[in-house]
Protein backbone atom coordinates (compact mmCIF):
# COMPACT_ATOMS: atom_id res chain seq x y z
CA UNK A 1 6.94 13.12 23.70
CA UNK A 2 6.46 16.82 24.17
CA UNK A 3 5.00 18.61 21.20
CA UNK A 4 3.29 15.52 19.75
CA UNK A 5 -0.22 14.12 20.03
CA UNK A 6 -1.29 10.76 18.69
CA UNK A 7 -4.50 8.78 18.44
CA UNK A 8 -5.16 5.39 16.90
CA UNK A 9 -8.18 3.66 15.44
CA UNK A 10 -8.42 0.09 14.18
CA UNK A 11 -11.01 -0.98 11.65
CA UNK A 12 -11.64 -4.42 10.16
CA UNK A 13 -11.53 -4.46 6.37
CA UNK A 14 -14.72 -5.74 4.81
CA UNK A 15 -14.23 -7.31 1.37
CA UNK A 16 -17.51 -5.77 0.29
CA UNK A 17 -16.70 -2.24 1.52
CA UNK A 18 -12.99 -1.54 2.13
CA UNK A 19 -13.68 2.19 1.73
CA UNK A 20 -15.61 2.13 5.03
CA UNK A 21 -12.54 0.72 6.79
CA UNK A 22 -10.40 3.61 5.54
CA UNK A 23 -12.98 6.14 6.69
CA UNK A 24 -13.26 4.50 10.11
CA UNK A 25 -9.48 4.35 10.57
CA UNK A 26 -9.26 8.03 9.63
CA UNK A 27 -11.32 8.84 12.72
CA UNK A 28 -7.94 8.79 14.47
CA UNK A 29 -7.64 12.38 13.22
CA UNK A 30 -10.80 13.54 15.02
CA UNK A 31 -10.02 15.76 17.96
CA UNK A 32 -6.47 16.59 16.90
CA UNK A 33 -6.03 20.35 16.96
CA UNK A 34 -2.31 20.58 16.27
CA UNK A 35 -1.18 22.99 13.58
CA UNK A 36 0.75 20.22 11.81
CA UNK A 37 -0.94 16.88 11.17
CA UNK A 38 -0.45 13.67 9.23
CA UNK A 39 -2.62 10.58 8.83
CA UNK A 40 -0.77 7.25 8.87
CA UNK A 41 -2.48 4.11 7.55
CA UNK A 42 -1.00 0.65 8.11
CA UNK A 43 -3.07 -1.90 6.22
CA UNK A 44 -3.36 -5.58 5.55
CA UNK A 45 -1.72 -5.92 2.14
CA UNK A 46 -4.00 -8.72 1.00
CA UNK A 47 -7.19 -6.67 0.93
CA UNK A 48 -7.70 -6.87 -2.81
CA UNK A 49 -8.74 -3.22 -3.24
CA UNK A 50 -6.29 -1.14 -1.20
CA UNK A 51 -7.03 2.00 -3.21
CA UNK A 52 -10.55 1.94 -1.74
CA UNK A 53 -9.11 2.12 1.78
CA UNK A 54 -7.16 5.21 0.79
CA UNK A 55 -10.26 6.75 -0.82
CA UNK A 56 -12.21 6.11 2.36
CA UNK A 57 -9.58 7.83 4.48
CA UNK A 58 -9.52 10.85 2.17
CA UNK A 59 -13.30 11.01 2.21
CA UNK A 60 -13.16 11.34 6.00
CA UNK A 61 -10.27 13.78 6.47
CA UNK A 62 -10.01 15.55 3.11
CA UNK A 63 -7.02 16.06 0.88
CA UNK A 64 -5.46 18.80 3.02
CA UNK A 65 -4.15 16.27 5.54
CA UNK A 66 -1.08 14.38 4.28
CA UNK A 67 -1.67 10.64 4.12
CA UNK A 68 1.26 8.23 4.47
CA UNK A 69 1.65 4.58 5.35
CA UNK A 70 1.95 1.21 3.76
CA UNK A 71 0.58 -2.24 3.22
CA UNK A 72 1.98 -5.31 4.94
CA UNK A 73 3.17 -8.27 2.88
CA UNK A 74 4.21 -11.86 3.48
CA UNK A 75 7.04 -12.34 0.97
CA UNK A 76 4.72 -13.36 -1.88
CA UNK A 77 3.12 -16.25 0.01
CA UNK A 78 -0.32 -14.56 -0.08
CA UNK A 79 -1.46 -16.39 3.04
CA UNK A 80 -1.75 -13.68 5.69
CA UNK A 81 -0.29 -10.44 7.02
CA UNK A 82 -0.26 -8.79 10.42
CA UNK A 83 -0.67 -5.31 11.79
CA UNK A 84 0.19 -4.09 15.27
CA UNK A 85 -1.61 -1.59 17.47
CA UNK A 86 -0.65 -1.18 21.10
CA UNK A 87 0.01 -4.68 22.39
CA UNK A 88 -2.33 -6.37 19.88
CA UNK A 89 -1.33 -8.39 16.84
CA UNK A 90 -4.10 -8.10 14.26
CA UNK A 91 -4.91 -9.28 10.78
CA UNK A 92 -7.41 -8.13 8.18
CA UNK A 93 -7.47 -4.58 9.54
CA UNK A 94 -6.32 -1.07 8.82
CA UNK A 95 -4.64 0.81 11.65
CA UNK A 96 -5.14 4.55 11.48
CA UNK A 97 -2.73 6.80 13.36
CA UNK A 98 -3.49 10.46 13.69
CA UNK A 99 -0.27 12.34 14.42
CA UNK A 100 -0.15 15.99 15.39
CA UNK A 101 2.80 18.21 16.19
CA UNK A 102 3.51 21.77 17.23
CA UNK A 103 6.35 21.74 14.67
CA UNK A 104 6.55 20.77 10.98
CA UNK A 105 6.32 17.08 10.08
CA UNK A 106 8.62 15.89 7.30
CA UNK A 107 7.51 13.17 4.93
CA UNK A 108 9.98 11.09 2.93
CA UNK A 109 9.26 8.55 0.23
CA UNK A 110 11.41 5.48 -0.30
CA UNK A 111 10.54 1.97 -1.39
CA UNK A 112 13.76 0.46 -2.72
CA UNK A 113 12.47 0.03 -6.24
CA UNK A 114 13.94 1.73 -9.28
CA UNK A 115 11.94 2.92 -12.24
CA UNK A 116 12.09 0.75 -15.33
CA UNK A 117 11.23 2.34 -18.66
CA UNK A 118 8.98 2.38 -20.47
CA UNK A 119 6.09 2.24 -17.98
CA UNK A 120 3.64 -0.64 -18.28
CA UNK A 121 -0.14 -0.65 -18.23
CA UNK A 122 -2.02 -3.25 -16.18
CA UNK A 123 -4.42 -4.46 -18.85
CA UNK A 124 -6.00 -7.37 -16.96
CA UNK A 125 -6.19 -7.99 -13.22
CA UNK A 126 -8.50 -9.31 -10.56
CA UNK A 127 -8.06 -8.34 -6.92
CA UNK A 128 -4.38 -8.71 -6.04
CA UNK A 129 -3.53 -10.70 -9.15
CA UNK A 130 -2.12 -9.13 -12.31
CA UNK A 131 -2.63 -11.31 -15.37
CA UNK A 132 -1.61 -9.01 -18.21
CA UNK A 133 0.72 -6.06 -18.69
CA UNK A 134 0.48 -4.16 -21.95
CA UNK A 135 -2.04 -6.78 -23.20
CA UNK A 136 0.51 -9.59 -22.79
CA UNK A 137 0.92 -12.26 -20.09
CA UNK A 138 2.39 -10.43 -17.09
CA UNK A 139 5.03 -13.02 -16.25
CA UNK A 140 6.33 -13.03 -19.82
CA UNK A 141 6.60 -9.24 -19.78
CA UNK A 142 8.43 -9.18 -16.44
CA UNK A 143 10.88 -11.89 -17.48
CA UNK A 144 11.58 -10.13 -20.79
CA UNK A 145 11.98 -6.74 -19.07
CA UNK A 146 14.54 -8.22 -16.69
CA UNK A 147 16.48 -10.05 -19.42
CA UNK A 148 15.75 -13.33 -17.65
CA UNK A 149 15.99 -16.42 -19.85
CA UNK A 150 15.25 -19.12 -17.26
CA UNK A 151 11.93 -20.52 -16.12
CA UNK A 152 9.37 -18.73 -13.99
CA UNK A 153 10.32 -20.96 -11.03
CA UNK A 154 13.95 -19.88 -11.40
CA UNK A 155 12.92 -16.24 -11.61
CA UNK A 156 11.05 -16.36 -8.32
CA UNK A 157 13.66 -18.51 -6.60
CA UNK A 158 16.47 -16.11 -7.47
CA UNK A 159 14.37 -12.95 -7.03
CA UNK A 160 16.04 -11.73 -10.19
CA UNK A 161 13.20 -9.34 -10.93
CA UNK A 162 14.28 -7.16 -8.02
CA UNK A 163 18.02 -7.70 -7.87
CA UNK A 164 18.91 -7.06 -11.51
CA UNK A 165 17.09 -3.92 -12.49
CA UNK A 166 14.80 -3.03 -9.63
CA UNK A 167 11.24 -4.28 -9.24
CA UNK A 168 9.31 -3.19 -12.28
CA UNK A 169 6.04 -1.48 -11.52
CA UNK A 170 2.99 -0.65 -13.54
CA UNK A 171 1.91 2.83 -14.52
CA UNK A 172 -1.87 2.55 -14.36
CA UNK A 173 -4.92 0.47 -15.02
CA UNK A 174 -6.52 0.91 -18.41
CA UNK A 175 -9.76 1.72 -16.58
CA UNK A 176 -8.15 4.71 -14.86
């Protein structure tokens, strides 16, 4: 509508260089001259190194442009996710949306999770898979944190990890 400009860019995510996909998607910001701008990234959530996509976007537009967005998921099936751009249904891509406005752009943060104390450290992972939290098997830690006494199959079937005390998250990787 009036007062807004928008441009999109789609970039396939290479497993060997996801940072390049973030930088290419951030080209959606090029040519926007609005006083107020935001970069929106909508990514395939099964990329394995999503932080590299974000780093690539920041390397292209700098840290002065707010960056928002999210990663698609498939309800823990880990088989495939989809992104939309225009009338296309895509997979394995990052969609960059450059949004400009003649007025301020508000940014809100909400994800539905609640903090669980104390924070945990991801001490062993590979790609999308977390094997250890706080140097212990991750599933054991999550079940203990959620006061769940059943089996792992029961935990996932009931989704108790999210419904009882919020989805526990991890604070950081030990490697930084």
